[in-house]
Amino acid sequence: MSLTGLFLSSFLIVHMAGNLQLFKSDGGRAFNEYTYFMTHNPLIMTVSYLLYTSILVHALMAYVLTRHNQSSRPVKYAYSKPEANSDWSSRNMGILGTVLLLFIIIHMRTFWYEMHFGSVPMAEYDGKQYKDLYAVVKVAFGELWYVVLYVICMVAVGYHLAHGFQSGFQTLGVRHKKYTPLIEMLGKYFFAIIIPAAFAAMPIYVYLQVHHII
């Protein structure tokens, strides 16, 4: 579970970097060229199958570990004060993970499925044809309910990573007085705040553009 979680964390960096093309004022050209590269490069296509597998394994292992923990202690302690030993995100990883899994399903149906099996319009740049996935993005993020859902789920991503990133290293035995503070800082600030905030800004920006607010 730690290995798949850290792999998915590294994927978020690549995914965020690519999706930042949405902020370019070029009618979606940079974003469409990026999606074309991601879906036609043999190495990236191979890694994508590892990504899908990691999502399934991570979710399955979370379920198995949760059931194991429940069965090992079926009767709760008479008194406990969990907040004294753990933060909110660590105590609610199951809820956060469930929210994220549902979001991934909706997200992939909206974009991945449409890109591969939907009726996506075509765009032409320098005589070359590209699937206009930017048009799909504008339709999806033009809906206020989807933007709100996306932003809420990015908050869940932040809380999930705030505990999960450093926990993954700890589970693998990576504990050192020199490196652990850096790992914890990366988890709490870069993965828990910067990455979710960047992702949340994308649907808001596109929504404002679609409705000519900016």
N, C-alpha and C. Protein backbone atom coordinates (compact mmCIF):
# COMPACT_ATOMS: atom_id res chain seq x y z
N MET A 1 0.83 -1.21 0.00
CA MET A 1 0.00 0.00 0.00
C MET A 1 0.87 1.26 0.00
N SER A 2 1.98 1.22 0.74
CA SER A 2 2.89 2.36 0.78
C SER A 2 3.52 2.60 -0.59
N LEU A 3 3.95 1.53 -1.26
CA LEU A 3 4.59 1.66 -2.56
C LEU A 3 3.63 2.24 -3.60
N THR A 4 2.40 1.73 -3.63
CA THR A 4 1.43 2.25 -4.59
C THR A 4 1.06 3.69 -4.25
N GLY A 5 0.95 4.01 -2.95
CA GLY A 5 0.62 5.36 -2.55
C GLY A 5 1.68 6.36 -2.96
N LEU A 6 2.95 6.01 -2.78
CA LEU A 6 4.03 6.91 -3.17
C LEU A 6 4.13 7.03 -4.69
N PHE A 7 3.84 5.94 -5.39
CA PHE A 7 3.83 6.01 -6.86
C PHE A 7 2.73 6.95 -7.33
N LEU A 8 1.55 6.85 -6.73
CA LEU A 8 0.43 7.72 -7.10
C LEU A 8 0.74 9.17 -6.75
N SER A 9 1.50 9.39 -5.67
CA SER A 9 1.90 10.75 -5.31
C SER A 9 2.81 11.34 -6.38
N SER A 10 3.75 10.53 -6.87
CA SER A 10 4.65 11.01 -7.93
C SER A 10 3.88 11.27 -9.22
N PHE A 11 2.84 10.46 -9.47
CA PHE A 11 2.02 10.67 -10.66
C PHE A 11 1.32 12.02 -10.60
N LEU A 12 0.88 12.42 -9.40
CA LEU A 12 0.18 13.70 -9.26
C LEU A 12 1.05 14.86 -9.71
N ILE A 13 2.36 14.77 -9.48
CA ILE A 13 3.26 15.85 -9.90
C ILE A 13 3.26 15.96 -11.43
N VAL A 14 3.39 14.83 -12.10
CA VAL A 14 3.40 14.82 -13.58
C VAL A 14 2.06 15.28 -14.12
N HIS A 15 0.98 14.78 -13.52
CA HIS A 15 -0.37 15.12 -13.98
C HIS A 15 -0.64 16.61 -13.80
N MET A 16 -0.21 17.15 -12.67
CA MET A 16 -0.40 18.58 -12.42
C MET A 16 0.39 19.42 -13.42
N ALA A 17 1.66 19.03 -13.65
CA ALA A 17 2.51 19.78 -14.58
C ALA A 17 1.89 19.82 -15.98
N GLY A 18 1.36 18.69 -16.42
CA GLY A 18 0.74 18.63 -17.74
C GLY A 18 -0.54 19.45 -17.81
N ASN A 19 -1.36 19.36 -16.77
CA ASN A 19 -2.64 20.07 -16.78
C ASN A 19 -2.50 21.57 -16.59
N LEU A 20 -1.32 22.02 -16.19
CA LEU A 20 -1.09 23.47 -16.10
C LEU A 20 -1.17 24.14 -17.46
N GLN A 21 -1.14 23.32 -18.53
CA GLN A 21 -1.30 23.87 -19.88
C GLN A 21 -2.66 24.52 -20.06
N LEU A 22 -3.60 24.17 -19.19
CA LEU A 22 -4.94 24.77 -19.27
C LEU A 22 -4.91 26.28 -19.03
N PHE A 23 -3.89 26.76 -18.35
CA PHE A 23 -3.81 28.18 -18.04
C PHE A 23 -3.25 29.01 -19.19
N LYS A 24 -2.79 28.34 -20.25
CA LYS A 24 -2.27 29.07 -21.40
C LYS A 24 -3.43 29.61 -22.24
N SER A 25 -3.32 30.83 -22.65
CA SER A 25 -4.37 31.46 -23.46
C SER A 25 -4.10 31.23 -24.94
N ASP A 26 -4.21 29.96 -25.35
CA ASP A 26 -3.93 29.60 -26.74
C ASP A 26 -5.06 28.78 -27.36
N GLY A 27 -6.25 28.87 -26.77
CA GLY A 27 -7.38 28.14 -27.31
C GLY A 27 -7.31 26.64 -27.07
N GLY A 28 -6.44 26.22 -26.16
CA GLY A 28 -6.35 24.80 -25.83
C GLY A 28 -5.29 24.04 -26.58
N ARG A 29 -4.50 24.73 -27.40
CA ARG A 29 -3.50 24.03 -28.23
C ARG A 29 -2.48 23.28 -27.37
N ALA A 30 -1.87 23.96 -26.40
CA ALA A 30 -0.84 23.33 -25.57
C ALA A 30 -1.40 22.13 -24.83
N PHE A 31 -2.61 22.25 -24.34
CA PHE A 31 -3.23 21.14 -23.60
C PHE A 31 -3.51 19.97 -24.53
N ASN A 32 -4.02 20.24 -25.73
CA ASN A 32 -4.31 19.16 -26.67
C ASN A 32 -3.04 18.47 -27.16
N GLU A 33 -1.98 19.23 -27.34
CA GLU A 33 -0.70 18.63 -27.74
C GLU A 33 -0.13 17.78 -26.61
N TYR A 34 -0.33 18.24 -25.38
CA TYR A 34 0.12 17.47 -24.22
C TYR A 34 -0.65 16.15 -24.11
N THR A 35 -1.98 16.19 -24.29
CA THR A 35 -2.77 14.96 -24.18
C THR A 35 -2.44 14.01 -25.34
N TYR A 36 -2.12 14.56 -26.49
CA TYR A 36 -1.72 13.71 -27.63
C TYR A 36 -0.44 12.97 -27.29
N PHE A 37 0.53 13.69 -26.74
CA PHE A 37 1.81 13.07 -26.36
C PHE A 37 1.59 11.97 -25.32
N MET A 38 0.74 12.24 -24.33
CA MET A 38 0.50 11.29 -23.25
C MET A 38 -0.19 10.02 -23.74
N THR A 39 -0.94 10.12 -24.81
CA THR A 39 -1.69 8.97 -25.30
C THR A 39 -1.02 8.28 -26.50
N HIS A 40 0.11 8.78 -26.93
CA HIS A 40 0.79 8.17 -28.08
C HIS A 40 2.23 7.77 -27.80
N ASN A 41 2.77 8.20 -26.68
CA ASN A 41 4.13 7.81 -26.32
C ASN A 41 4.11 6.41 -25.72
N PRO A 42 4.85 5.45 -26.30
CA PRO A 42 4.80 4.05 -25.82
C PRO A 42 5.16 3.90 -24.34
N LEU A 43 6.17 4.65 -23.87
CA LEU A 43 6.58 4.55 -22.48
C LEU A 43 5.47 5.05 -21.55
N ILE A 44 4.89 6.20 -21.90
CA ILE A 44 3.80 6.76 -21.09
C ILE A 44 2.60 5.83 -21.08
N MET A 45 2.29 5.23 -22.21
CA MET A 45 1.15 4.32 -22.30
C MET A 45 1.38 3.09 -21.42
N THR A 46 2.62 2.61 -21.36
CA THR A 46 2.94 1.47 -20.50
C THR A 46 2.80 1.83 -19.03
N VAL A 47 3.31 3.01 -18.68
CA VAL A 47 3.22 3.47 -17.29
C VAL A 47 1.76 3.68 -16.88
N SER A 48 0.91 4.06 -17.83
CA SER A 48 -0.49 4.29 -17.51
C SER A 48 -1.17 3.03 -17.00
N TYR A 49 -0.79 1.87 -17.55
CA TYR A 49 -1.36 0.62 -17.06
C TYR A 49 -0.88 0.32 -15.63
N LEU A 50 0.35 0.71 -15.34
CA LEU A 50 0.85 0.59 -13.97
C LEU A 50 0.07 1.51 -13.04
N LEU A 51 -0.30 2.67 -13.56
CA LEU A 51 -1.10 3.62 -12.78
C LEU A 51 -2.46 3.04 -12.44
N TYR A 52 -3.16 2.49 -13.44
CA TYR A 52 -4.49 1.91 -13.19
C TYR A 52 -4.40 0.78 -12.18
N THR A 53 -3.36 -0.04 -12.33
CA THR A 53 -3.17 -1.16 -11.41
C THR A 53 -2.90 -0.65 -9.99
N SER A 54 -2.10 0.40 -9.88
CA SER A 54 -1.77 0.95 -8.57
C SER A 54 -2.99 1.49 -7.86
N ILE A 55 -3.89 2.13 -8.60
CA ILE A 55 -5.12 2.65 -8.00
C ILE A 55 -5.95 1.51 -7.42
N LEU A 56 -6.10 0.44 -8.20
CA LEU A 56 -6.90 -0.70 -7.75
C LEU A 56 -6.25 -1.40 -6.55
N VAL A 57 -4.93 -1.61 -6.63
CA VAL A 57 -4.22 -2.28 -5.53
C VAL A 57 -4.26 -1.43 -4.27
N HIS A 58 -4.07 -0.14 -4.42
CA HIS A 58 -4.08 0.77 -3.27
C HIS A 58 -5.45 0.73 -2.57
N ALA A 59 -6.52 0.78 -3.36
CA ALA A 59 -7.87 0.74 -2.79
C ALA A 59 -8.15 -0.62 -2.15
N LEU A 60 -7.73 -1.70 -2.81
CA LEU A 60 -7.95 -3.04 -2.27
C LEU A 60 -7.19 -3.24 -0.97
N MET A 61 -5.92 -2.83 -0.94
CA MET A 61 -5.13 -2.99 0.26
C MET A 61 -5.69 -2.15 1.42
N ALA A 62 -6.21 -0.98 1.11
CA ALA A 62 -6.83 -0.14 2.14
C ALA A 62 -8.02 -0.87 2.77
N TYR A 63 -8.83 -1.50 1.92
CA TYR A 63 -9.98 -2.26 2.41
C TYR A 63 -9.54 -3.45 3.26
N VAL A 64 -8.53 -4.18 2.77
CA VAL A 64 -8.05 -5.36 3.49
C VAL A 64 -7.47 -4.98 4.84
N LEU A 65 -6.66 -3.92 4.88
CA LEU A 65 -6.05 -3.48 6.13
C LEU A 65 -7.10 -2.96 7.12
N THR A 66 -8.10 -2.28 6.60
CA THR A 66 -9.18 -1.79 7.47
C THR A 66 -9.93 -2.93 8.10
N ARG A 67 -10.25 -3.95 7.29
CA ARG A 67 -10.97 -5.12 7.82
C ARG A 67 -10.10 -5.88 8.83
N HIS A 68 -8.81 -5.95 8.55
CA HIS A 68 -7.89 -6.64 9.45
C HIS A 68 -7.82 -5.92 10.80
N ASN A 69 -7.74 -4.60 10.76
CA ASN A 69 -7.67 -3.83 12.00
C ASN A 69 -8.96 -3.95 12.81
N GLN A 70 -10.08 -3.98 12.10
CA GLN A 70 -11.36 -4.11 12.79
C GLN A 70 -11.52 -5.48 13.44
N SER A 71 -11.08 -6.53 12.74
CA SER A 71 -11.21 -7.89 13.27
C SER A 71 -10.24 -8.15 14.42
N SER A 72 -9.09 -7.47 14.40
CA SER A 72 -8.11 -7.67 15.46
C SER A 72 -8.53 -6.98 16.76
N ARG A 73 -9.41 -5.99 16.65
CA ARG A 73 -9.92 -5.32 17.83
C ARG A 73 -11.41 -5.04 17.64
N PRO A 74 -12.26 -6.11 17.69
CA PRO A 74 -13.69 -5.95 17.42
C PRO A 74 -14.42 -5.11 18.46
N VAL A 75 -13.90 -5.08 19.70
CA VAL A 75 -14.52 -4.30 20.77
C VAL A 75 -13.69 -3.04 20.99
N LYS A 76 -14.32 -1.89 20.90
CA LYS A 76 -13.59 -0.65 21.06
C LYS A 76 -13.15 -0.46 22.51
N TYR A 77 -12.11 0.34 22.67
CA TYR A 77 -11.66 0.67 24.01
C TYR A 77 -12.76 1.43 24.75
N ALA A 78 -12.82 1.21 26.08
CA ALA A 78 -13.84 1.89 26.88
C ALA A 78 -13.65 3.39 26.82
N TYR A 79 -12.40 3.82 26.74
CA TYR A 79 -12.12 5.25 26.66
C TYR A 79 -10.91 5.46 25.77
N SER A 80 -11.03 6.39 24.90
CA SER A 80 -9.88 6.71 24.06
C SER A 80 -9.96 8.17 23.69
N LYS A 81 -8.81 8.75 23.49
CA LYS A 81 -8.72 10.14 23.06
C LYS A 81 -7.74 10.19 21.90
N PRO A 82 -8.20 9.77 20.69
CA PRO A 82 -7.29 9.62 19.56
C PRO A 82 -6.60 10.90 19.15
N GLU A 83 -7.26 12.05 19.38
CA GLU A 83 -6.66 13.29 18.93
C GLU A 83 -5.36 13.61 19.66
N ALA A 84 -5.13 12.90 20.78
CA ALA A 84 -3.90 13.13 21.52
C ALA A 84 -2.70 12.51 20.82
N ASN A 85 -2.93 11.48 20.00
CA ASN A 85 -1.84 10.75 19.37
C ASN A 85 -1.84 10.83 17.85
N SER A 86 -2.86 11.39 17.25
CA SER A 86 -2.93 11.44 15.80
C SER A 86 -3.76 12.64 15.35
N ASP A 87 -3.54 13.05 14.10
CA ASP A 87 -4.32 14.17 13.58
C ASP A 87 -5.58 13.65 12.89
N TRP A 88 -6.43 14.60 12.47
CA TRP A 88 -7.73 14.24 11.91
C TRP A 88 -7.58 13.41 10.64
N SER A 89 -6.65 13.78 9.78
CA SER A 89 -6.50 13.08 8.50
C SER A 89 -6.10 11.62 8.70
N SER A 90 -5.23 11.35 9.68
CA SER A 90 -4.79 9.98 9.91
C SER A 90 -5.92 9.11 10.46
N ARG A 91 -6.86 9.72 11.20
CA ARG A 91 -7.97 8.95 11.77
C ARG A 91 -9.09 8.74 10.76
N ASN A 92 -9.05 9.47 9.65
CA ASN A 92 -10.15 9.38 8.68
C ASN A 92 -9.65 9.05 7.28
N MET A 93 -8.56 8.30 7.19
CA MET A 93 -8.01 7.94 5.88
C MET A 93 -9.00 7.09 5.08
N GLY A 94 -9.79 6.27 5.76
CA GLY A 94 -10.76 5.43 5.07
C GLY A 94 -11.83 6.26 4.38
N ILE A 95 -12.37 7.26 5.10
CA ILE A 95 -13.39 8.13 4.53
C ILE A 95 -12.81 8.94 3.38
N LEU A 96 -11.63 9.50 3.61
CA LEU A 96 -10.98 10.31 2.56
C LEU A 96 -10.69 9.46 1.33
N GLY A 97 -10.20 8.25 1.56
CA GLY A 97 -9.90 7.35 0.44
C GLY A 97 -11.13 6.98 -0.35
N THR A 98 -12.25 6.76 0.33
CA THR A 98 -13.51 6.42 -0.34
C THR A 98 -13.99 7.57 -1.21
N VAL A 99 -13.90 8.79 -0.67
CA VAL A 99 -14.28 9.98 -1.44
C VAL A 99 -13.41 10.09 -2.69
N LEU A 100 -12.12 9.86 -2.54
CA LEU A 100 -11.21 9.98 -3.68
C LEU A 100 -11.45 8.89 -4.72
N LEU A 101 -11.77 7.68 -4.27
CA LEU A 101 -12.04 6.61 -5.22
C LEU A 101 -13.28 6.93 -6.05
N LEU A 102 -14.32 7.44 -5.41
CA LEU A 102 -15.53 7.83 -6.14
C LEU A 102 -15.22 8.97 -7.11
N PHE A 103 -14.37 9.90 -6.67
CA PHE A 103 -13.99 11.00 -7.53
C PHE A 103 -13.21 10.52 -8.75
N ILE A 104 -12.28 9.58 -8.54
CA ILE A 104 -11.49 9.04 -9.64
C ILE A 104 -12.40 8.39 -10.68
N ILE A 105 -13.41 7.65 -10.21
CA ILE A 105 -14.35 7.00 -11.13
C ILE A 105 -15.09 8.04 -11.97
N ILE A 106 -15.60 9.09 -11.30
CA ILE A 106 -16.31 10.15 -12.01
C ILE A 106 -15.37 10.89 -12.96
N HIS A 107 -14.17 11.17 -12.48
CA HIS A 107 -13.18 11.91 -13.27
C HIS A 107 -12.78 11.13 -14.53
N MET A 108 -12.54 9.85 -14.38
CA MET A 108 -12.16 9.03 -15.53
C MET A 108 -13.31 8.87 -16.51
N ARG A 109 -14.53 8.80 -15.98
CA ARG A 109 -15.69 8.73 -16.89
C ARG A 109 -15.82 10.02 -17.69
N THR A 110 -15.55 11.14 -17.07
CA THR A 110 -15.71 12.43 -17.72
C THR A 110 -14.64 12.67 -18.78
N PHE A 111 -13.39 12.31 -18.49
CA PHE A 111 -12.29 12.65 -19.39
C PHE A 111 -11.66 11.44 -20.09
N TRP A 112 -11.22 10.45 -19.32
CA TRP A 112 -10.55 9.29 -19.93
C TRP A 112 -11.49 8.55 -20.87
N TYR A 113 -12.71 8.27 -20.42
CA TYR A 113 -13.66 7.53 -21.25
C TYR A 113 -14.02 8.33 -22.50
N GLU A 114 -14.26 9.62 -22.33
CA GLU A 114 -14.62 10.45 -23.47
C GLU A 114 -13.48 10.52 -24.48
N MET A 115 -12.25 10.60 -23.98
CA MET A 115 -11.10 10.69 -24.88
C MET A 115 -10.95 9.43 -25.72
N HIS A 116 -11.20 8.27 -25.11
CA HIS A 116 -10.97 7.00 -25.81
C HIS A 116 -12.21 6.49 -26.55
N PHE A 117 -13.40 6.78 -26.03
CA PHE A 117 -14.61 6.17 -26.60
C PHE A 117 -15.71 7.17 -26.94
N GLY A 118 -15.53 8.42 -26.56
CA GLY A 118 -16.57 9.41 -26.81
C GLY A 118 -16.42 10.07 -28.18
N SER A 119 -17.36 10.96 -28.47
CA SER A 119 -17.33 11.70 -29.74
C SER A 119 -16.64 13.03 -29.51
N VAL A 120 -15.33 12.98 -29.50
CA VAL A 120 -14.53 14.18 -29.24
C VAL A 120 -14.27 14.92 -30.55
N PRO A 121 -14.52 16.22 -30.61
CA PRO A 121 -14.24 16.97 -31.84
C PRO A 121 -12.74 17.01 -32.10
N MET A 122 -12.38 17.35 -33.32
CA MET A 122 -10.97 17.40 -33.71
C MET A 122 -10.51 18.85 -33.83
N ALA A 123 -9.24 19.05 -33.57
CA ALA A 123 -8.61 20.37 -33.75
C ALA A 123 -7.38 20.18 -34.63
N GLU A 124 -7.06 21.19 -35.41
CA GLU A 124 -5.92 21.09 -36.32
C GLU A 124 -4.90 22.18 -36.02
N TYR A 125 -3.64 21.76 -35.84
CA TYR A 125 -2.55 22.69 -35.61
C TYR A 125 -1.42 22.35 -36.57
N ASP A 126 -1.04 23.31 -37.38
CA ASP A 126 0.05 23.13 -38.36
C ASP A 126 -0.19 21.91 -39.24
N GLY A 127 -1.43 21.72 -39.64
CA GLY A 127 -1.77 20.64 -40.55
C GLY A 127 -1.91 19.27 -39.91
N LYS A 128 -1.82 19.19 -38.58
CA LYS A 128 -1.92 17.91 -37.88
C LYS A 128 -3.19 17.86 -37.04
N GLN A 129 -3.87 16.72 -37.07
CA GLN A 129 -5.13 16.56 -36.37
C GLN A 129 -4.91 16.08 -34.93
N TYR A 130 -5.65 16.69 -34.01
CA TYR A 130 -5.60 16.32 -32.60
C TYR A 130 -7.03 16.19 -32.07
N LYS A 131 -7.23 15.27 -31.14
CA LYS A 131 -8.50 15.23 -30.44
C LYS A 131 -8.59 16.46 -29.54
N ASP A 132 -9.70 17.18 -29.65
CA ASP A 132 -9.85 18.42 -28.91
C ASP A 132 -10.40 18.13 -27.51
N LEU A 133 -9.52 17.59 -26.65
CA LEU A 133 -9.94 17.28 -25.29
C LEU A 133 -10.17 18.56 -24.49
N TYR A 134 -9.59 19.66 -24.95
CA TYR A 134 -9.82 20.94 -24.30
C TYR A 134 -11.30 21.31 -24.37
N ALA A 135 -11.96 20.94 -25.45
CA ALA A 135 -13.39 21.19 -25.59
C ALA A 135 -14.18 20.38 -24.55
N VAL A 136 -13.73 19.15 -24.31
CA VAL A 136 -14.37 18.30 -23.29
C VAL A 136 -14.19 18.92 -21.91
N VAL A 137 -12.99 19.43 -21.65
CA VAL A 137 -12.70 20.08 -20.37
C VAL A 137 -13.62 21.28 -20.16
N LYS A 138 -13.80 22.08 -21.20
CA LYS A 138 -14.65 23.27 -21.08
C LYS A 138 -16.10 22.90 -20.78
N VAL A 139 -16.58 21.82 -21.39
CA VAL A 139 -17.96 21.39 -21.12
C VAL A 139 -18.09 20.94 -19.67
N ALA A 140 -17.14 20.14 -19.21
CA ALA A 140 -17.21 19.62 -17.84
C ALA A 140 -17.07 20.73 -16.81
N PHE A 141 -16.04 21.56 -16.97
CA PHE A 141 -15.78 22.62 -16.00
C PHE A 141 -16.67 23.83 -16.21
N GLY A 142 -17.50 23.78 -17.22
CA GLY A 142 -18.49 24.83 -17.40
C GLY A 142 -19.70 24.63 -16.51
N GLU A 143 -19.76 23.45 -15.88
CA GLU A 143 -20.85 23.13 -14.96
C GLU A 143 -20.41 23.45 -13.53
N LEU A 144 -21.19 24.28 -12.85
CA LEU A 144 -20.81 24.71 -11.51
C LEU A 144 -20.75 23.55 -10.53
N TRP A 145 -21.67 22.60 -10.63
CA TRP A 145 -21.69 21.48 -9.69
C TRP A 145 -20.42 20.64 -9.80
N TYR A 146 -19.91 20.51 -11.03
CA TYR A 146 -18.70 19.72 -11.22
C TYR A 146 -17.49 20.45 -10.65
N VAL A 147 -17.46 21.76 -10.82
CA VAL A 147 -16.36 22.56 -10.27
C VAL A 147 -16.35 22.46 -8.75
N VAL A 148 -17.53 22.57 -8.14
CA VAL A 148 -17.64 22.47 -6.67
C VAL A 148 -17.19 21.09 -6.20
N LEU A 149 -17.66 20.04 -6.89
CA LEU A 149 -17.26 18.67 -6.55
C LEU A 149 -15.75 18.52 -6.66
N TYR A 150 -15.17 19.04 -7.72
CA TYR A 150 -13.73 18.93 -7.95
C TYR A 150 -12.94 19.61 -6.83
N VAL A 151 -13.36 20.80 -6.46
CA VAL A 151 -12.65 21.55 -5.42
C VAL A 151 -12.75 20.83 -4.08
N ILE A 152 -13.94 20.32 -3.75
CA ILE A 152 -14.13 19.59 -2.50
C ILE A 152 -13.22 18.36 -2.46
N CYS A 153 -13.15 17.66 -3.57
CA CYS A 153 -12.32 16.46 -3.64
C CYS A 153 -10.83 16.81 -3.56
N MET A 154 -10.44 17.98 -4.03
CA MET A 154 -9.05 18.39 -3.88
C MET A 154 -8.71 18.68 -2.42
N VAL A 155 -9.70 19.14 -1.67
CA VAL A 155 -9.49 19.30 -0.22
C VAL A 155 -9.25 17.93 0.41
N ALA A 156 -10.05 16.94 -0.04
CA ALA A 156 -9.88 15.57 0.46
C ALA A 156 -8.50 15.02 0.07
N VAL A 157 -8.05 15.34 -1.14
CA VAL A 157 -6.71 14.92 -1.57
C VAL A 157 -5.65 15.50 -0.64
N GLY A 158 -5.81 16.78 -0.29
CA GLY A 158 -4.85 17.43 0.60
C GLY A 158 -4.75 16.75 1.95
N TYR A 159 -5.90 16.47 2.55
CA TYR A 159 -5.91 15.80 3.85
C TYR A 159 -5.35 14.38 3.74
N HIS A 160 -5.71 13.70 2.65
CA HIS A 160 -5.24 12.32 2.45
C HIS A 160 -3.71 12.28 2.35
N LEU A 161 -3.15 13.23 1.59
CA LEU A 161 -1.70 13.25 1.40
C LEU A 161 -0.96 13.81 2.60
N ALA A 162 -1.62 14.65 3.39
CA ALA A 162 -0.98 15.22 4.57
C ALA A 162 -0.48 14.13 5.50
N HIS A 163 -1.26 13.06 5.59
CA HIS A 163 -0.84 11.92 6.42
C HIS A 163 -0.19 10.82 5.58
N GLY A 164 -0.77 10.55 4.42
CA GLY A 164 -0.36 9.40 3.64
C GLY A 164 1.06 9.47 3.11
N PHE A 165 1.53 10.66 2.69
CA PHE A 165 2.86 10.76 2.09
C PHE A 165 3.95 10.37 3.08
N GLN A 166 3.97 11.01 4.23
CA GLN A 166 5.01 10.68 5.21
C GLN A 166 4.80 9.31 5.83
N SER A 167 3.54 8.87 5.92
CA SER A 167 3.25 7.55 6.46
C SER A 167 3.81 6.46 5.56
N GLY A 168 3.78 6.70 4.23
CA GLY A 168 4.31 5.72 3.29
C GLY A 168 5.79 5.48 3.52
N PHE A 169 6.55 6.54 3.71
CA PHE A 169 7.99 6.41 3.98
C PHE A 169 8.23 5.73 5.33
N GLN A 170 7.41 6.08 6.32
CA GLN A 170 7.57 5.50 7.65
C GLN A 170 7.31 3.99 7.61
N THR A 171 6.29 3.57 6.86
CA THR A 171 5.96 2.15 6.74
C THR A 171 7.10 1.38 6.09
N LEU A 172 7.78 2.02 5.14
CA LEU A 172 8.90 1.38 4.45
C LEU A 172 10.20 1.44 5.25
N GLY A 173 10.12 2.02 6.44
CA GLY A 173 11.28 2.06 7.31
C GLY A 173 12.23 3.21 7.06
N VAL A 174 11.79 4.20 6.27
CA VAL A 174 12.63 5.36 5.98
C VAL A 174 12.45 6.38 7.10
N ARG A 175 13.22 6.26 8.15
CA ARG A 175 13.18 7.17 9.29
C ARG A 175 14.61 7.60 9.61
N HIS A 176 14.84 8.89 9.49
CA HIS A 176 16.18 9.40 9.78
C HIS A 176 16.01 10.84 10.26
N LYS A 177 16.76 11.20 11.29
CA LYS A 177 16.60 12.54 11.87
C LYS A 177 16.94 13.65 10.88
N LYS A 178 17.72 13.31 9.85
CA LYS A 178 18.09 14.30 8.85
C LYS A 178 17.05 14.42 7.75
N TYR A 179 16.48 13.28 7.31
CA TYR A 179 15.59 13.28 6.16
C TYR A 179 14.11 13.30 6.52
N THR A 180 13.74 12.76 7.67
CA THR A 180 12.33 12.69 8.04
C THR A 180 11.66 14.06 8.11
N PRO A 181 12.30 15.09 8.72
CA PRO A 181 11.66 16.42 8.72
C PRO A 181 11.39 16.95 7.32
N LEU A 182 12.29 16.67 6.36
CA LEU A 182 12.08 17.11 4.98
C LEU A 182 10.90 16.38 4.35
N ILE A 183 10.81 15.08 4.61
CA ILE A 183 9.70 14.28 4.08
C ILE A 183 8.37 14.79 4.64
N GLU A 184 8.36 15.07 5.94
CA GLU A 184 7.14 15.57 6.57
C GLU A 184 6.76 16.94 6.02
N MET A 185 7.75 17.79 5.76
CA MET A 185 7.48 19.11 5.20
C MET A 185 6.92 19.00 3.79
N LEU A 186 7.50 18.09 2.98
CA LEU A 186 6.98 17.88 1.62
C LEU A 186 5.54 17.41 1.66
N GLY A 187 5.23 16.50 2.60
CA GLY A 187 3.88 15.98 2.71
C GLY A 187 2.89 17.03 3.14
N LYS A 188 3.25 17.83 4.15
CA LYS A 188 2.31 18.79 4.72
C LYS A 188 2.11 20.04 3.88
N TYR A 189 3.13 20.41 3.11
CA TYR A 189 3.03 21.66 2.36
C TYR A 189 2.91 21.44 0.85
N PHE A 190 3.87 20.72 0.26
CA PHE A 190 3.83 20.54 -1.19
C PHE A 190 2.69 19.64 -1.62
N PHE A 191 2.60 18.44 -1.03
CA PHE A 191 1.58 17.49 -1.44
C PHE A 191 0.21 17.80 -0.84
N ALA A 192 0.16 18.34 0.34
CA ALA A 192 -1.12 18.59 1.00
C ALA A 192 -1.72 19.94 0.66
N ILE A 193 -0.90 20.89 0.20
CA ILE A 193 -1.42 22.23 -0.06
C ILE A 193 -1.20 22.67 -1.51
N ILE A 194 0.05 22.67 -1.96
CA ILE A 194 0.36 23.23 -3.27
C ILE A 194 -0.28 22.44 -4.41
N ILE A 195 -0.10 21.11 -4.40
CA ILE A 195 -0.66 20.30 -5.49
C ILE A 195 -2.19 20.36 -5.52
N PRO A 196 -2.89 20.13 -4.39
CA PRO A 196 -4.36 20.23 -4.43
C PRO A 196 -4.84 21.62 -4.83
N ALA A 197 -4.14 22.67 -4.36
CA ALA A 197 -4.54 24.03 -4.71
C ALA A 197 -4.39 24.28 -6.21
N ALA A 198 -3.31 23.77 -6.80
CA ALA A 198 -3.11 23.93 -8.25
C ALA A 198 -4.20 23.21 -9.03
N PHE A 199 -4.53 21.99 -8.62
CA PHE A 199 -5.59 21.25 -9.29
C PHE A 199 -6.94 21.95 -9.12
N ALA A 200 -7.21 22.47 -7.92
CA ALA A 200 -8.49 23.13 -7.66
C ALA A 200 -8.63 24.42 -8.48
N ALA A 201 -7.50 25.08 -8.73
CA ALA A 201 -7.53 26.33 -9.49
C ALA A 201 -7.92 26.11 -10.95
N MET A 202 -7.65 24.91 -11.48
CA MET A 202 -7.91 24.65 -12.90
C MET A 202 -9.39 24.71 -13.26
N PRO A 203 -10.28 23.96 -12.58
CA PRO A 203 -11.69 24.05 -12.94
C PRO A 203 -12.28 25.44 -12.68
N ILE A 204 -11.79 26.12 -11.62
CA ILE A 204 -12.28 27.47 -11.34
C ILE A 204 -11.91 28.41 -12.48
N TYR A 205 -10.67 28.31 -12.94
CA TYR A 205 -10.19 29.17 -14.03
C TYR A 205 -10.97 28.91 -15.32
N VAL A 206 -11.15 27.63 -15.65
CA VAL A 206 -11.87 27.30 -16.88
C VAL A 206 -13.33 27.74 -16.77
N TYR A 207 -13.94 27.55 -15.62
CA TYR A 207 -15.34 27.97 -15.42
C TYR A 207 -15.48 29.49 -15.63
N LEU A 208 -14.56 30.24 -15.06
CA LEU A 208 -14.62 31.69 -15.21
C LEU A 208 -14.42 32.11 -16.66
N GLN A 209 -13.58 31.37 -17.38
CA GLN A 209 -13.37 31.67 -18.80
C GLN A 209 -14.59 31.32 -19.64
N VAL A 210 -15.15 30.12 -19.39
CA VAL A 210 -16.31 29.67 -20.16
C VAL A 210 -17.47 30.64 -20.03
N HIS A 211 -17.65 31.18 -18.83
CA HIS A 211 -18.77 32.10 -18.58
C HIS A 211 -18.35 33.57 -18.72
N HIS A 212 -17.18 33.78 -19.33
CA HIS A 212 -16.70 35.13 -19.68
C HIS A 212 -16.64 36.05 -18.46
N ILE A 213 -16.25 35.49 -17.33
CA ILE A 213 -16.09 36.29 -16.12
C ILE A 213 -14.70 36.90 -16.07
N ILE A 214 -13.74 36.19 -16.68
CA ILE A 214 -12.39 36.73 -16.81
C ILE A 214 -11.97 36.67 -18.28
